[in-house]
Amino acid sequence: MLIRLVGCLVVLDSQVAVYMASLTVSLVAGILLGYALRKRGKVNLNRASFAVIIVLIFSLGFSIGSNGELLGALPRVGLNAVVIAVLAMVFSLVFVKAAGRVAGLK
């Protein structure tokens, strides 16, 4: 088990702790670098962000395609995932529209 409870404390497996630490260090390093370079002007990272997202989506598709058990369960789970995704988008749009009206925006 990667996470276990010991009294009131959550104890992480060392592998999970390393992953969490690397994510935290990466985030803090990005914040510090952005803070240090803020006077140089705005840096446009749209293309780099888009490329990274495409690589992540590809790797997700590759891992799904290479997992036979997951591919077998996809028809069963896929419809639920589509319904949840569509409802999340619809209600996001509804709430953004409502918040815009409350705030006095178009």
PDB file of N, CA and C in Angstrom:
ATOM      1  N   MET A   1       0.850  -1.168   0.000  1.00  0.00           N
ATOM      2  CA  MET A   1       0.000   0.000   0.000  1.00  0.00           C
ATOM      3  C   MET A   1       0.899   1.235   0.000  1.00  0.00           C
ATOM      4  N   LEU A   2       0.528   2.224  -0.811  1.00  0.00           N
ATOM      5  CA  LEU A   2       1.349   3.416  -0.929  1.00  0.00           C
ATOM      6  C   LEU A   2       1.091   4.418   0.186  1.00  0.00           C
ATOM      7  N   ILE A   3      -0.157   4.464   0.672  1.00  0.00           N
ATOM      8  CA  ILE A   3      -0.517   5.404   1.725  1.00  0.00           C
ATOM      9  C   ILE A   3      -1.188   4.618   2.842  1.00  0.00           C
ATOM     10  N   ARG A   4      -0.800   4.863   4.078  1.00  0.00           N
ATOM     11  CA  ARG A   4      -1.457   4.181   5.192  1.00  0.00           C
ATOM     12  C   ARG A   4      -1.636   5.159   6.342  1.00  0.00           C
ATOM     13  N   LEU A   5      -2.624   4.911   7.153  1.00  0.00           N
ATOM     14  CA  LEU A   5      -2.899   5.766   8.294  1.00  0.00           C
ATOM     15  C   LEU A   5      -2.247   5.191   9.537  1.00  0.00           C
ATOM     16  N   VAL A   6      -1.566   6.025  10.289  1.00  0.00           N
ATOM     17  CA  VAL A   6      -0.981   5.643  11.563  1.00  0.00           C
ATOM     18  C   VAL A   6      -1.499   6.665  12.566  1.00  0.00           C
ATOM     19  N   GLY A   7      -2.490   6.261  13.315  1.00  0.00           N
ATOM     20  CA  GLY A   7      -3.132   7.212  14.212  1.00  0.00           C
ATOM     21  C   GLY A   7      -3.794   8.291  13.392  1.00  0.00           C
ATOM     22  N   CYS A   8      -3.441   9.527  13.628  1.00  0.00           N
ATOM     23  CA  CYS A   8      -3.973  10.654  12.864  1.00  0.00           C
ATOM     24  C   CYS A   8      -3.062  11.038  11.710  1.00  0.00           C
ATOM     25  N   LEU A   9      -1.921  10.393  11.566  1.00  0.00           N
ATOM     26  CA  LEU A   9      -0.947  10.763  10.552  1.00  0.00           C
ATOM     27  C   LEU A   9      -1.114   9.914   9.300  1.00  0.00           C
ATOM     28  N   VAL A  10      -0.861  10.508   8.167  1.00  0.00           N
ATOM     29  CA  VAL A  10      -0.827   9.785   6.904  1.00  0.00           C
ATOM     30  C   VAL A  10       0.634   9.514   6.588  1.00  0.00           C
ATOM     31  N   VAL A  11       0.977   8.242   6.452  1.00  0.00           N
ATOM     32  CA  VAL A  11       2.354   7.858   6.175  1.00  0.00           C
ATOM     33  C   VAL A  11       2.430   7.436   4.710  1.00  0.00           C
ATOM     34  N   LEU A  12       3.345   8.052   3.977  1.00  0.00           N
ATOM     35  CA  LEU A  12       3.487   7.760   2.561  1.00  0.00           C
ATOM     36  C   LEU A  12       4.627   6.779   2.345  1.00  0.00           C
ATOM     37  N   ASP A  13       4.445   5.938   1.359  1.00  0.00           N
ATOM     38  CA  ASP A  13       5.519   5.073   0.920  1.00  0.00           C
ATOM     39  C   ASP A  13       6.630   5.972   0.371  1.00  0.00           C
ATOM     40  N   SER A  14       7.859   5.527   0.428  1.00  0.00           N
ATOM     41  CA  SER A  14       8.984   6.373   0.010  1.00  0.00           C
ATOM     42  C   SER A  14       8.876   6.772  -1.456  1.00  0.00           C
ATOM     43  N   GLN A  15       8.344   5.900  -2.306  1.00  0.00           N
ATOM     44  CA  GLN A  15       8.203   6.220  -3.726  1.00  0.00           C
ATOM     45  C   GLN A  15       7.192   7.361  -3.916  1.00  0.00           C
ATOM     46  N   VAL A  16       6.080   7.324  -3.195  1.00  0.00           N
ATOM     47  CA  VAL A  16       5.080   8.388  -3.278  1.00  0.00           C
ATOM     48  C   VAL A  16       5.671   9.687  -2.741  1.00  0.00           C
ATOM     49  N   ALA A  17       6.426   9.605  -1.665  1.00  0.00           N
ATOM     50  CA  ALA A  17       7.045  10.799  -1.090  1.00  0.00           C
ATOM     51  C   ALA A  17       8.010  11.433  -2.083  1.00  0.00           C
ATOM     52  N   VAL A  18       8.765  10.626  -2.816  1.00  0.00           N
ATOM     53  CA  VAL A  18       9.702  11.153  -3.809  1.00  0.00           C
ATOM     54  C   VAL A  18       8.935  11.843  -4.933  1.00  0.00           C
ATOM     55  N   TYR A  19       7.847  11.236  -5.410  1.00  0.00           N
ATOM     56  CA  TYR A  19       7.036  11.857  -6.463  1.00  0.00           C
ATOM     57  C   TYR A  19       6.458  13.185  -5.987  1.00  0.00           C
ATOM     58  N   MET A  20       5.904  13.201  -4.792  1.00  0.00           N
ATOM     59  CA  MET A  20       5.312  14.431  -4.272  1.00  0.00           C
ATOM     60  C   MET A  20       6.373  15.507  -4.079  1.00  0.00           C
ATOM     61  N   ALA A  21       7.533  15.117  -3.596  1.00  0.00           N
ATOM     62  CA  ALA A  21       8.614  16.081  -3.399  1.00  0.00           C
ATOM     63  C   ALA A  21       9.086  16.643  -4.737  1.00  0.00           C
ATOM     64  N   SER A  22       9.196  15.806  -5.756  1.00  0.00           N
ATOM     65  CA  SER A  22       9.644  16.299  -7.062  1.00  0.00           C
ATOM     66  C   SER A  22       8.620  17.249  -7.668  1.00  0.00           C
ATOM     67  N   LEU A  23       7.338  16.972  -7.485  1.00  0.00           N
ATOM     68  CA  LEU A  23       6.303  17.893  -7.969  1.00  0.00           C
ATOM     69  C   LEU A  23       6.371  19.222  -7.226  1.00  0.00           C
ATOM     70  N   THR A  24       6.541  19.154  -5.921  1.00  0.00           N
ATOM     71  CA  THR A  24       6.606  20.379  -5.119  1.00  0.00           C
ATOM     72  C   THR A  24       7.839  21.196  -5.464  1.00  0.00           C
ATOM     73  N   VAL A  25       8.969  20.544  -5.611  1.00  0.00           N
ATOM     74  CA  VAL A  25      10.206  21.250  -5.959  1.00  0.00           C
ATOM     75  C   VAL A  25      10.073  21.891  -7.341  1.00  0.00           C
ATOM     76  N   SER A  26       9.479  21.178  -8.291  1.00  0.00           N
ATOM     77  CA  SER A  26       9.292  21.736  -9.635  1.00  0.00           C
ATOM     78  C   SER A  26       8.404  22.974  -9.595  1.00  0.00           C
ATOM     79  N   LEU A  27       7.320  22.904  -8.844  1.00  0.00           N
ATOM     80  CA  LEU A  27       6.408  24.040  -8.729  1.00  0.00           C
ATOM     81  C   LEU A  27       7.101  25.245  -8.092  1.00  0.00           C
ATOM     82  N   VAL A  28       7.801  25.014  -6.995  1.00  0.00           N
ATOM     83  CA  VAL A  28       8.488  26.103  -6.301  1.00  0.00           C
ATOM     84  C   VAL A  28       9.590  26.686  -7.182  1.00  0.00           C
ATOM     85  N   ALA A  29      10.314  25.836  -7.906  1.00  0.00           N
ATOM     86  CA  ALA A  29      11.367  26.327  -8.801  1.00  0.00           C
ATOM     87  C   ALA A  29      10.770  27.192  -9.910  1.00  0.00           C
ATOM     88  N   GLY A  30       9.627  26.782 -10.462  1.00  0.00           N
ATOM     89  CA  GLY A  30       8.960  27.592 -11.482  1.00  0.00           C
ATOM     90  C   GLY A  30       8.495  28.928 -10.948  1.00  0.00           C
ATOM     91  N   ILE A  31       7.957  28.917  -9.741  1.00  0.00           N
ATOM     92  CA  ILE A  31       7.513  30.173  -9.125  1.00  0.00           C
ATOM     93  C   ILE A  31       8.703  31.103  -8.904  1.00  0.00           C
ATOM     94  N   LEU A  32       9.785  30.571  -8.371  1.00  0.00           N
ATOM     95  CA  LEU A  32      10.970  31.395  -8.111  1.00  0.00           C
ATOM     96  C   LEU A  32      11.590  31.927  -9.404  1.00  0.00           C
ATOM     97  N   LEU A  33      11.646  31.092 -10.432  1.00  0.00           N
ATOM     98  CA  LEU A  33      12.194  31.529 -11.715  1.00  0.00           C
ATOM     99  C   LEU A  33      11.311  32.602 -12.337  1.00  0.00           C
ATOM    100  N   GLY A  34      10.007  32.403 -12.286  1.00  0.00           N
ATOM    101  CA  GLY A  34       9.092  33.423 -12.801  1.00  0.00           C
ATOM    102  C   GLY A  34       9.209  34.722 -12.043  1.00  0.00           C
ATOM    103  N   TYR A  35       9.367  34.635 -10.736  1.00  0.00           N
ATOM    104  CA  TYR A  35       9.521  35.829  -9.909  1.00  0.00           C
ATOM    105  C   TYR A  35      10.824  36.556 -10.248  1.00  0.00           C
ATOM    106  N   ALA A  36      11.887  35.784 -10.442  1.00  0.00           N
ATOM    107  CA  ALA A  36      13.190  36.383 -10.733  1.00  0.00           C
ATOM    108  C   ALA A  36      13.223  37.024 -12.118  1.00  0.00           C
ATOM    109  N   LEU A  37      12.498  36.474 -13.059  1.00  0.00           N
ATOM    110  CA  LEU A  37      12.527  36.974 -14.442  1.00  0.00           C
ATOM    111  C   LEU A  37      11.348  37.877 -14.777  1.00  0.00           C
ATOM    112  N   ARG A  38      10.565  38.273 -13.809  1.00  0.00           N
ATOM    113  CA  ARG A  38       9.352  39.048 -14.081  1.00  0.00           C
ATOM    114  C   ARG A  38       9.641  40.418 -14.673  1.00  0.00           C
ATOM    115  N   LYS A  39      10.809  40.980 -14.413  1.00  0.00           N
ATOM    116  CA  LYS A  39      11.131  42.314 -14.913  1.00  0.00           C
ATOM    117  C   LYS A  39      11.590  42.293 -16.364  1.00  0.00           C
ATOM    118  N   ARG A  40      11.877  41.138 -16.894  1.00  0.00           N
ATOM    119  CA  ARG A  40      12.308  41.028 -18.286  1.00  0.00           C
ATOM    120  C   ARG A  40      11.147  41.150 -19.260  1.00  0.00           C
ATOM    121  N   GLY A  41       9.961  41.210 -18.769  1.00  0.00           N
ATOM    122  CA  GLY A  41       8.786  41.279 -19.636  1.00  0.00           C
ATOM    123  C   GLY A  41       8.056  39.950 -19.619  1.00  0.00           C
ATOM    124  N   LYS A  42       6.915  39.971 -20.233  1.00  0.00           N
ATOM    125  CA  LYS A  42       6.084  38.772 -20.235  1.00  0.00           C
ATOM    126  C   LYS A  42       6.651  37.738 -21.206  1.00  0.00           C
ATOM    127  N   VAL A  43       6.781  36.522 -20.737  1.00  0.00           N
ATOM    128  CA  VAL A  43       7.288  35.424 -21.554  1.00  0.00           C
ATOM    129  C   VAL A  43       6.090  34.646 -22.079  1.00  0.00           C
ATOM    130  N   ASN A  44       6.040  34.440 -23.372  1.00  0.00           N
ATOM    131  CA  ASN A  44       4.935  33.714 -23.982  1.00  0.00           C
ATOM    132  C   ASN A  44       5.309  32.236 -24.104  1.00  0.00           C
ATOM    133  N   LEU A  45       4.670  31.416 -23.311  1.00  0.00           N
ATOM    134  CA  LEU A  45       4.947  29.981 -23.328  1.00  0.00           C
ATOM    135  C   LEU A  45       3.812  29.178 -23.950  1.00  0.00           C
ATOM    136  N   ASN A  46       2.972  29.822 -24.757  1.00  0.00           N
ATOM    137  CA  ASN A  46       1.818  29.126 -25.325  1.00  0.00           C
ATOM    138  C   ASN A  46       2.227  27.935 -26.174  1.00  0.00           C
ATOM    139  N   ARG A  47       3.188  28.108 -27.055  1.00  0.00           N
ATOM    140  CA  ARG A  47       3.595  27.000 -27.933  1.00  0.00           C
ATOM    141  C   ARG A  47       4.237  25.867 -27.137  1.00  0.00           C
ATOM    142  N   ALA A  48       5.071  26.218 -26.186  1.00  0.00           N
ATOM    143  CA  ALA A  48       5.718  25.183 -25.375  1.00  0.00           C
ATOM    144  C   ALA A  48       4.679  24.430 -24.544  1.00  0.00           C
ATOM    145  N   SER A  49       3.742  25.166 -23.967  1.00  0.00           N
ATOM    146  CA  SER A  49       2.686  24.517 -23.178  1.00  0.00           C
ATOM    147  C   SER A  49       1.852  23.594 -24.055  1.00  0.00           C
ATOM    148  N   PHE A  50       1.507  24.062 -25.248  1.00  0.00           N
ATOM    149  CA  PHE A  50       0.718  23.244 -26.170  1.00  0.00           C
ATOM    150  C   PHE A  50       1.476  21.979 -26.550  1.00  0.00           C
ATOM    151  N   ALA A  51       2.774  22.105 -26.827  1.00  0.00           N
ATOM    152  CA  ALA A  51       3.575  20.932 -27.197  1.00  0.00           C
ATOM    153  C   ALA A  51       3.638  19.925 -26.056  1.00  0.00           C
ATOM    154  N   VAL A  52       3.807  20.408 -24.839  1.00  0.00           N
ATOM    155  CA  VAL A  52       3.862  19.511 -23.680  1.00  0.00           C
ATOM    156  C   VAL A  52       2.515  18.812 -23.490  1.00  0.00           C
ATOM    157  N   ILE A  53       1.425  19.536 -23.664  1.00  0.00           N
ATOM    158  CA  ILE A  53       0.099  18.932 -23.526  1.00  0.00           C
ATOM    159  C   ILE A  53      -0.110  17.853 -24.577  1.00  0.00           C
ATOM    160  N   ILE A  54       0.327  18.108 -25.814  1.00  0.00           N
ATOM    161  CA  ILE A  54       0.196  17.103 -26.878  1.00  0.00           C
ATOM    162  C   ILE A  54       0.997  15.848 -26.528  1.00  0.00           C
ATOM    163  N   VAL A  55       2.201  16.025 -26.010  1.00  0.00           N
ATOM    164  CA  VAL A  55       3.021  14.879 -25.618  1.00  0.00           C
ATOM    165  C   VAL A  55       2.348  14.100 -24.480  1.00  0.00           C
ATOM    166  N   LEU A  56       1.777  14.814 -23.515  1.00  0.00           N
ATOM    167  CA  LEU A  56       1.083  14.146 -22.413  1.00  0.00           C
ATOM    168  C   LEU A  56      -0.133  13.369 -22.904  1.00  0.00           C
ATOM    169  N   ILE A  57      -0.908  13.951 -23.811  1.00  0.00           N
ATOM    170  CA  ILE A  57      -2.073  13.258 -24.355  1.00  0.00           C
ATOM    171  C   ILE A  57      -1.634  12.030 -25.145  1.00  0.00           C
ATOM    172  N   PHE A  58      -0.561  12.162 -25.931  1.00  0.00           N
ATOM    173  CA  PHE A  58      -0.040  11.017 -26.667  1.00  0.00           C
ATOM    174  C   PHE A  58       0.386   9.898 -25.721  1.00  0.00           C
ATOM    175  N   SER A  59       1.114  10.263 -24.662  1.00  0.00           N
ATOM    176  CA  SER A  59       1.586   9.238 -23.728  1.00  0.00           C
ATOM    177  C   SER A  59       0.410   8.580 -22.998  1.00  0.00           C
ATOM    178  N   LEU A  60      -0.629   9.354 -22.702  1.00  0.00           N
ATOM    179  CA  LEU A  60      -1.825   8.766 -22.095  1.00  0.00           C
ATOM    180  C   LEU A  60      -2.477   7.777 -23.056  1.00  0.00           C
ATOM    181  N   GLY A  61      -2.615   8.167 -24.312  1.00  0.00           N
ATOM    182  CA  GLY A  61      -3.182   7.261 -25.310  1.00  0.00           C
ATOM    183  C   GLY A  61      -2.327   6.016 -25.505  1.00  0.00           C
ATOM    184  N   PHE A  62      -1.015   6.190 -25.488  1.00  0.00           N
ATOM    185  CA  PHE A  62      -0.111   5.053 -25.637  1.00  0.00           C
ATOM    186  C   PHE A  62      -0.262   4.080 -24.473  1.00  0.00           C
ATOM    187  N   SER A  63      -0.352   4.616 -23.249  1.00  0.00           N
ATOM    188  CA  SER A  63      -0.486   3.725 -22.092  1.00  0.00           C
ATOM    189  C   SER A  63      -1.843   3.026 -22.086  1.00  0.00           C
ATOM    190  N   ILE A  64      -2.891   3.693 -22.553  1.00  0.00           N
ATOM    191  CA  ILE A  64      -4.197   3.036 -22.653  1.00  0.00           C
ATOM    192  C   ILE A  64      -4.146   1.953 -23.716  1.00  0.00           C
ATOM    193  N   GLY A  65      -3.553   2.269 -24.861  1.00  0.00           N
ATOM    194  CA  GLY A  65      -3.480   1.296 -25.948  1.00  0.00           C
ATOM    195  C   GLY A  65      -2.626   0.090 -25.627  1.00  0.00           C
ATOM    196  N   SER A  66      -1.645   0.241 -24.788  1.00  0.00           N
ATOM    197  CA  SER A  66      -0.757  -0.883 -24.467  1.00  0.00           C
ATOM    198  C   SER A  66      -1.264  -1.718 -23.299  1.00  0.00           C
ATOM    199  N   ASN A  67      -2.332  -1.284 -22.646  1.00  0.00           N
ATOM    200  CA  ASN A  67      -2.891  -2.017 -21.508  1.00  0.00           C
ATOM    201  C   ASN A  67      -4.129  -2.779 -21.972  1.00  0.00           C
ATOM    202  N   GLY A  68      -3.981  -4.088 -22.179  1.00  0.00           N
ATOM    203  CA  GLY A  68      -5.072  -4.910 -22.685  1.00  0.00           C
ATOM    204  C   GLY A  68      -6.279  -4.952 -21.762  1.00  0.00           C
ATOM    205  N   GLU A  69      -6.038  -4.987 -20.475  1.00  0.00           N
ATOM    206  CA  GLU A  69      -7.142  -5.040 -19.509  1.00  0.00           C
ATOM    207  C   GLU A  69      -7.968  -3.753 -19.561  1.00  0.00           C
ATOM    208  N   LEU A  70      -7.279  -2.645 -19.666  1.00  0.00           N
ATOM    209  CA  LEU A  70      -7.964  -1.358 -19.744  1.00  0.00           C
ATOM    210  C   LEU A  70      -8.727  -1.230 -21.062  1.00  0.00           C
ATOM    211  N   LEU A  71      -8.142  -1.695 -22.152  1.00  0.00           N
ATOM    212  CA  LEU A  71      -8.838  -1.654 -23.432  1.00  0.00           C
ATOM    213  C   LEU A  71     -10.103  -2.495 -23.402  1.00  0.00           C
ATOM    214  N   GLY A  72     -10.060  -3.635 -22.710  1.00  0.00           N
ATOM    215  CA  GLY A  72     -11.242  -4.483 -22.590  1.00  0.00           C
ATOM    216  C   GLY A  72     -12.360  -3.820 -21.802  1.00  0.00           C
ATOM    217  N   ALA A  73     -11.992  -3.005 -20.823  1.00  0.00           N
ATOM    218  CA  ALA A  73     -12.991  -2.339 -19.984  1.00  0.00           C
ATOM    219  C   ALA A  73     -13.446  -1.010 -20.570  1.00  0.00           C
ATOM    220  N   LEU A  74     -12.791  -0.544 -21.623  1.00  0.00           N
ATOM    221  CA  LEU A  74     -13.098   0.774 -22.168  1.00  0.00           C
ATOM    222  C   LEU A  74     -14.541   0.941 -22.633  1.00  0.00           C
ATOM    223  N   PRO A  75     -15.143  -0.034 -23.329  1.00  0.00           N
ATOM    224  CA  PRO A  75     -16.539   0.157 -23.721  1.00  0.00           C
ATOM    225  C   PRO A  75     -17.476   0.318 -22.520  1.00  0.00           C
ATOM    226  N   ARG A  76     -17.182  -0.380 -21.453  1.00  0.00           N
ATOM    227  CA  ARG A  76     -18.018  -0.312 -20.263  1.00  0.00           C
ATOM    228  C   ARG A  76     -17.827   1.014 -19.526  1.00  0.00           C
ATOM    229  N   VAL A  77     -16.588   1.449 -19.426  1.00  0.00           N
ATOM    230  CA  VAL A  77     -16.265   2.656 -18.682  1.00  0.00           C
ATOM    231  C   VAL A  77     -16.367   3.902 -19.565  1.00  0.00           C
ATOM    232  N   GLY A  78     -16.173   3.733 -20.859  1.00  0.00           N
ATOM    233  CA  GLY A  78     -16.120   4.862 -21.780  1.00  0.00           C
ATOM    234  C   GLY A  78     -17.371   5.715 -21.793  1.00  0.00           C
ATOM    235  N   LEU A  79     -18.552   5.094 -21.791  1.00  0.00           N
ATOM    236  CA  LEU A  79     -19.795   5.857 -21.819  1.00  0.00           C
ATOM    237  C   LEU A  79     -19.940   6.697 -20.559  1.00  0.00           C
ATOM    238  N   ASN A  80     -19.609   6.126 -19.420  1.00  0.00           N
ATOM    239  CA  ASN A  80     -19.669   6.896 -18.170  1.00  0.00           C
ATOM    240  C   ASN A  80     -18.706   8.083 -18.230  1.00  0.00           C
ATOM    241  N   ALA A  81     -17.518   7.868 -18.748  1.00  0.00           N
ATOM    242  CA  ALA A  81     -16.536   8.948 -18.838  1.00  0.00           C
ATOM    243  C   ALA A  81     -17.020  10.060 -19.758  1.00  0.00           C
ATOM    244  N   VAL A  82     -17.635   9.690 -20.882  1.00  0.00           N
ATOM    245  CA  VAL A  82     -18.148  10.695 -21.811  1.00  0.00           C
ATOM    246  C   VAL A  82     -19.272  11.497 -21.167  1.00  0.00           C
ATOM    247  N   VAL A  83     -20.179  10.817 -20.475  1.00  0.00           N
ATOM    248  CA  VAL A  83     -21.293  11.504 -19.809  1.00  0.00           C
ATOM    249  C   VAL A  83     -20.760  12.466 -18.750  1.00  0.00           C
ATOM    250  N   ILE A  84     -19.814  12.021 -17.938  1.00  0.00           N
ATOM    251  CA  ILE A  84     -19.244  12.882 -16.895  1.00  0.00           C
ATOM    252  C   ILE A  84     -18.535  14.082 -17.516  1.00  0.00           C
ATOM    253  N   ALA A  85     -17.762  13.869 -18.579  1.00  0.00           N
ATOM    254  CA  ALA A  85     -17.038  14.963 -19.226  1.00  0.00           C
ATOM    255  C   ALA A  85     -17.999  15.987 -19.828  1.00  0.00           C
ATOM    256  N   VAL A  86     -19.037  15.506 -20.512  1.00  0.00           N
ATOM    257  CA  VAL A  86     -20.009  16.418 -21.129  1.00  0.00           C
ATOM    258  C   VAL A  86     -20.749  17.213 -20.058  1.00  0.00           C
ATOM    259  N   LEU A  87     -21.186  16.535 -19.003  1.00  0.00           N
ATOM    260  CA  LEU A  87     -21.883  17.251 -17.932  1.00  0.00           C
ATOM    261  C   LEU A  87     -20.972  18.274 -17.254  1.00  0.00           C
ATOM    262  N   ALA A  88     -19.713  17.950 -17.066  1.00  0.00           N
ATOM    263  CA  ALA A  88     -18.775  18.896 -16.464  1.00  0.00           C
ATOM    264  C   ALA A  88     -18.633  20.139 -17.342  1.00  0.00           C
ATOM    265  N   MET A  89     -18.536  19.947 -18.662  1.00  0.00           N
ATOM    266  CA  MET A  89     -18.429  21.098 -19.562  1.00  0.00           C
ATOM    267  C   MET A  89     -19.704  21.932 -19.563  1.00  0.00           C
ATOM    268  N   VAL A  90     -20.853  21.264 -19.624  1.00  0.00           N
ATOM    269  CA  VAL A  90     -22.128  21.984 -19.656  1.00  0.00           C
ATOM    270  C   VAL A  90     -22.313  22.809 -18.386  1.00  0.00           C
ATOM    271  N   PHE A  91     -22.106  22.187 -17.229  1.00  0.00           N
ATOM    272  CA  PHE A  91     -22.312  22.919 -15.988  1.00  0.00           C
ATOM    273  C   PHE A  91     -21.242  23.990 -15.769  1.00  0.00           C
ATOM    274  N   SER A  92     -20.031  23.790 -16.284  1.00  0.00           N
ATOM    275  CA  SER A  92     -19.019  24.843 -16.220  1.00  0.00           C
ATOM    276  C   SER A  92     -19.479  26.059 -16.999  1.00  0.00           C
ATOM    277  N   LEU A  93     -20.002  25.834 -18.194  1.00  0.00           N
ATOM    278  CA  LEU A  93     -20.505  26.946 -19.001  1.00  0.00           C
ATOM    279  C   LEU A  93     -21.682  27.635 -18.321  1.00  0.00           C
ATOM    280  N   VAL A  94     -22.593  26.853 -17.747  1.00  0.00           N
ATOM    281  CA  VAL A  94     -23.758  27.424 -17.066  1.00  0.00           C
ATOM    282  C   VAL A  94     -23.310  28.288 -15.893  1.00  0.00           C
ATOM    283  N   PHE A  95     -22.389  27.797 -15.077  1.00  0.00           N
ATOM    284  CA  PHE A  95     -21.951  28.551 -13.912  1.00  0.00           C
ATOM    285  C   PHE A  95     -21.118  29.770 -14.294  1.00  0.00           C
ATOM    286  N   VAL A  96     -20.326  29.680 -15.356  1.00  0.00           N
ATOM    287  CA  VAL A  96     -19.572  30.846 -15.817  1.00  0.00           C
ATOM    288  C   VAL A  96     -20.529  31.927 -16.313  1.00  0.00           C
ATOM    289  N   LYS A  97     -21.547  31.511 -17.055  1.00  0.00           N
ATOM    290  CA  LYS A  97     -22.547  32.462 -17.543  1.00  0.00           C
ATOM    291  C   LYS A  97     -23.277  33.115 -16.369  1.00  0.00           C
ATOM    292  N   ALA A  98     -23.666  32.313 -15.370  1.00  0.00           N
ATOM    293  CA  ALA A  98     -24.357  32.853 -14.189  1.00  0.00           C
ATOM    294  C   ALA A  98     -23.442  33.784 -13.413  1.00  0.00           C
ATOM    295  N   ALA A  99     -22.183  33.428 -13.237  1.00  0.00           N
ATOM    296  CA  ALA A  99     -21.249  34.283 -12.512  1.00  0.00           C
ATOM    297  C   ALA A  99     -21.021  35.585 -13.252  1.00  0.00           C
ATOM    298  N   GLY A 100     -20.981  35.522 -14.587  1.00  0.00           N
ATOM    299  CA  GLY A 100     -20.827  36.729 -15.381  1.00  0.00           C
ATOM    300  C   GLY A 100     -22.011  37.673 -15.206  1.00  0.00           C
ATOM    301  N   ARG A 101     -23.211  37.112 -15.142  1.00  0.00           N
ATOM    302  CA  ARG A 101     -24.394  37.957 -14.922  1.00  0.00           C
ATOM    303  C   ARG A 101     -24.387  38.572 -13.543  1.00  0.00           C
ATOM    304  N   VAL A 102     -23.991  37.785 -12.538  1.00  0.00           N
ATOM    305  CA  VAL A 102     -23.936  38.308 -11.168  1.00  0.00           C
ATOM    306  C   VAL A 102     -22.895  39.419 -11.075  1.00  0.00           C
ATOM    307  N   ALA A 103     -21.774  39.269 -11.767  1.00  0.00           N
ATOM    308  CA  ALA A 103     -20.709  40.261 -11.726  1.00  0.00           C
ATOM    309  C   ALA A 103     -20.981  41.466 -12.616  1.00  0.00           C
ATOM    310  N   GLY A 104     -22.058  41.384 -13.401  1.00  0.00           N
ATOM    311  CA  GLY A 104     -22.408  42.504 -14.273  1.00  0.00           C
ATOM    312  C   GLY A 104     -21.677  42.508 -15.589  1.00  0.00           C
ATOM    313  N   LEU A 105     -21.109  41.368 -15.973  1.00  0.00           N
ATOM    314  CA  LEU A 105     -20.430  41.251 -17.256  1.00  0.00           C
ATOM    315  C   LEU A 105     -21.427  40.777 -18.300  1.00  0.00           C
ATOM    316  N   LYS A 106     -21.034  40.814 -19.551  1.00  0.00           N
ATOM    317  CA  LYS A 106     -21.935  40.358 -20.620  1.00  0.00           C
ATOM    318  C   LYS A 106     -22.453  39.007 -20.392  1.00  0.00           C
TER     319      LYS A 106
END
